[in-house]
Protein backbone atom coordinates (compact mmCIF):
# COMPACT_ATOMS: atom_id res chain seq x y z
CA MET A 1 -187.52 44.76 97.76
CA THR A 2 -189.53 42.15 99.57
CA PRO A 3 -189.03 40.70 102.75
CA GLY A 4 -186.93 37.88 102.47
CA ASN A 5 -185.19 39.30 99.25
CA ASP A 6 -183.16 41.40 100.96
CA PRO A 7 -179.46 41.56 99.37
CA LEU A 8 -176.81 39.94 101.43
CA PRO A 9 -174.30 41.84 103.36
CA ASP A 10 -170.89 42.67 101.56
CA PHE A 11 -167.98 41.61 103.53
CA SER A 12 -165.39 41.83 100.75
CA ASP A 13 -163.36 44.76 102.42
CA VAL A 14 -163.07 42.88 105.65
CA GLU A 15 -159.21 42.03 106.74
CA GLY A 16 -158.45 38.92 109.17
CA GLY A 17 -156.08 39.67 111.79
CA ALA A 18 -155.90 40.03 115.57
CA SER A 19 -159.36 41.08 117.22
CA SER A 20 -158.43 44.12 119.31
CA THR A 21 -161.43 43.45 121.81
CA ALA A 22 -160.23 39.72 122.91
CA PRO A 23 -158.29 39.54 126.09
CA LYS A 24 -154.88 39.29 126.30
CA PRO A 25 -153.23 36.05 127.93
CA ALA A 26 -151.71 36.68 130.73
CA PRO A 27 -148.01 36.72 130.70
CA ALA A 28 -146.65 33.31 132.42
CA GLU A 29 -144.51 33.55 135.36
CA ALA A 30 -140.97 33.05 134.60
CA ARG A 31 -139.07 29.58 135.64
CA THR A 32 -135.82 30.15 137.01
CA TYR A 33 -133.10 27.75 137.75
CA THR A 34 -129.69 28.80 139.88
CA VAL A 35 -126.71 27.16 138.95
CA VAL A 36 -124.78 25.13 141.82
CA LYS A 37 -121.37 23.69 141.80
CA GLY A 38 -120.90 20.59 138.88
CA ASP A 39 -123.74 22.30 136.40
CA SER A 40 -123.75 22.24 133.29
CA LEU A 41 -126.53 23.39 130.53
CA SER A 42 -126.96 19.85 129.63
CA LYS A 43 -127.35 18.74 132.91
CA ILE A 44 -129.71 21.33 133.78
CA ALA A 45 -132.03 20.51 130.59
CA LYS A 46 -131.76 16.93 131.16
CA SER A 47 -133.19 17.63 134.69
CA LEU A 48 -135.55 20.21 133.89
CA TYR A 49 -136.85 18.98 129.88
CA GLY A 50 -135.54 15.18 130.24
CA ASN A 51 -133.67 15.63 127.39
CA ALA A 52 -129.48 17.19 127.47
CA VAL A 53 -129.50 18.24 124.02
CA LYS A 54 -132.16 21.03 124.32
CA TRP A 55 -129.27 22.99 126.78
CA LYS A 56 -129.30 25.10 123.81
CA ALA A 57 -132.63 26.48 124.47
CA ILE A 58 -131.59 26.97 127.93
CA TYR A 59 -128.54 28.94 126.50
CA GLU A 60 -130.20 31.12 124.06
CA ALA A 61 -132.52 32.58 126.66
CA ASN A 62 -129.81 33.11 129.06
CA LYS A 63 -126.90 34.61 126.80
CA ALA A 64 -126.81 38.01 128.40
CA THR A 65 -126.09 36.17 131.64
CA ILE A 66 -123.96 33.42 130.58
CA GLY A 67 -121.76 35.22 128.22
CA GLY A 68 -120.53 33.83 124.90
CA ASN A 69 -119.31 30.65 126.20
CA PRO A 70 -122.19 27.92 127.10
CA ASP A 71 -119.64 25.74 129.20
CA LEU A 72 -118.54 28.88 131.69
CA ILE A 73 -121.47 28.83 133.95
CA LYS A 74 -121.12 29.55 137.29
CA PRO A 75 -122.87 29.03 140.73
CA GLY A 76 -124.97 31.50 141.70
CA GLN A 77 -126.09 32.51 138.46
CA VAL A 78 -129.75 32.62 137.99
CA LEU A 79 -131.17 31.48 134.50
CA THR A 80 -134.07 31.64 132.97
CA ILE A 81 -135.66 28.37 131.87
CA PRO A 82 -137.88 28.79 128.70
CA GLU A 83 -141.13 26.59 127.81
CA ALA A 84 -139.94 23.37 126.64
């Protein structure tokens, strides 16, 4: 072959996916909220997210702490607040 007429590289067996050399993003620091008397998940969501309907996201992230009834949060419980 003459210069300039080299065959093109064959990338037909290359698969897409995550890079093994890219640095992993630093973990975001978890935000927490300590329940006080008179709180409800909807009040907390309204205060932190500006939308009371987002209480479910807080509940889902804290089922192990809260238990089976999202209406029974207790003062002193420390809840993890997920990103909005």
